[in-house]
C-alpha cells in the first residue's frame, strides 16, 4: 500500500513538471536551461515510478 501511495505522489509531481514544461514552452523566449532541468527531473520521477511498479509486480 505504501508503494502505491508513493507512486501516486510521484505521478502528481510528474504531471506538475509537465505543466511547468508546457508553461515554459509557451513563453516567447523560453529558457532552454530551465527546460532541460525540468525534463531531467521529470525523467528521474518516471524512472523512479517504473522501479517502484516493478517491486509491486
C-alpha atoms as a PDB file:
ATOM      1  CA  UNK A   1       0.000   0.000   0.000  1.00  0.00           C
ATOM      2  CA  UNK A   2       2.814   2.443   0.830  1.00  0.00           C
ATOM      3  CA  UNK A   3       4.430   1.844  -2.566  1.00  0.00           C
ATOM      4  CA  UNK A   4       1.201   2.662  -4.376  1.00  0.00           C
ATOM      5  CA  UNK A   5       0.859   5.913  -2.415  1.00  0.00           C
ATOM      6  CA  UNK A   6       4.444   6.824  -3.285  1.00  0.00           C
ATOM      7  CA  UNK A   7       3.782   6.082  -6.975  1.00  0.00           C
ATOM      8  CA  UNK A   8       0.692   8.328  -6.889  1.00  0.00           C
ATOM      9  CA  UNK A   9       2.711  11.106  -5.245  1.00  0.00           C
ATOM     10  CA  UNK A  10       5.437  10.796  -7.858  1.00  0.00           C
ATOM     11  CA  UNK A  11       2.796  10.783 -10.591  1.00  0.00           C
ATOM     12  CA  UNK A  12       1.393  14.050  -9.287  1.00  0.00           C
ATOM     13  CA  UNK A  13       4.843  15.621  -9.233  1.00  0.00           C
ATOM     14  CA  UNK A  14       5.487  14.250 -12.725  1.00  0.00           C
ATOM     15  CA  UNK A  15       2.306  15.904 -14.004  1.00  0.00           C
ATOM     16  CA  UNK A  16       3.192  19.183 -12.270  1.00  0.00           C
ATOM     17  CA  UNK A  17       6.561  19.162 -14.040  1.00  0.00           C
ATOM     18  CA  UNK A  18       4.819  18.543 -17.370  1.00  0.00           C
ATOM     19  CA  UNK A  19       2.657  21.600 -16.704  1.00  0.00           C
ATOM     20  CA  UNK A  20       5.758  23.674 -15.894  1.00  0.00           C
ATOM     21  CA  UNK A  21       7.424  22.464 -19.090  1.00  0.00           C
ATOM     22  CA  UNK A  22       4.387  23.396 -21.181  1.00  0.00           C
ATOM     23  CA  UNK A  23       4.196  26.812 -19.495  1.00  0.00           C
ATOM     24  CA  UNK A  24       7.863  27.443 -20.234  1.00  0.00           C
ATOM     25  CA  UNK A  25       7.472  26.321 -23.858  1.00  0.00           C
ATOM     26  CA  UNK A  26       4.557  28.716 -24.320  1.00  0.00           C
ATOM     27  CA  UNK A  27       6.725  31.714 -23.446  1.00  0.00           C
ATOM     28  CA  UNK A  28       8.110  33.711 -26.367  1.00  0.00           C
ATOM     29  CA  UNK A  29      11.672  33.353 -25.073  1.00  0.00           C
ATOM     30  CA  UNK A  30      11.709  30.067 -23.180  1.00  0.00           C
ATOM     31  CA  UNK A  31      14.735  29.286 -21.031  1.00  0.00           C
ATOM     32  CA  UNK A  32      16.493  26.280 -22.563  1.00  0.00           C
ATOM     33  CA  UNK A  33      18.499  25.565 -19.421  1.00  0.00           C
ATOM     34  CA  UNK A  34      15.364  25.607 -17.271  1.00  0.00           C
ATOM     35  CA  UNK A  35      13.604  23.336 -19.770  1.00  0.00           C
ATOM     36  CA  UNK A  36      16.465  20.833 -19.699  1.00  0.00           C
ATOM     37  CA  UNK A  37      16.422  20.751 -15.900  1.00  0.00           C
ATOM     38  CA  UNK A  38      12.635  20.311 -15.751  1.00  0.00           C
ATOM     39  CA  UNK A  39      12.799  17.491 -18.305  1.00  0.00           C
ATOM     40  CA  UNK A  40      15.638  15.845 -16.383  1.00  0.00           C
ATOM     41  CA  UNK A  41      13.601  15.978 -13.155  1.00  0.00           C
ATOM     42  CA  UNK A  42      10.561  14.574 -14.960  1.00  0.00           C
ATOM     43  CA  UNK A  43      12.610  11.684 -16.338  1.00  0.00           C
ATOM     44  CA  UNK A  44      14.010  10.890 -12.882  1.00  0.00           C
ATOM     45  CA  UNK A  45      10.485  10.737 -11.493  1.00  0.00           C
ATOM     46  CA  UNK A  46       9.366   8.475 -14.325  1.00  0.00           C
ATOM     47  CA  UNK A  47      12.290   6.130 -13.738  1.00  0.00           C
ATOM     48  CA  UNK A  48      11.567   6.014 -10.004  1.00  0.00           C
ATOM     49  CA  UNK A  49       7.877   5.273 -10.643  1.00  0.00           C
ATOM     50  CA  UNK A  50       8.794   2.439 -13.022  1.00  0.00           C
ATOM     51  CA  UNK A  51      11.221   0.981 -10.500  1.00  0.00           C
ATOM     52  CA  UNK A  52       8.570   1.055  -7.780  1.00  0.00           C
ATOM     53  CA  UNK A  53       5.991  -0.524 -10.091  1.00  0.00           C
ATOM     54  CA  UNK A  54       8.488  -3.306 -10.730  1.00  0.00           C
ATOM     55  CA  UNK A  55       8.611  -4.001  -6.999  1.00  0.00           C
ATOM     56  CA  UNK A  56       4.828  -4.395  -6.844  1.00  0.00           C
ATOM     57  CA  UNK A  57       4.567  -6.943  -9.664  1.00  0.00           C
END
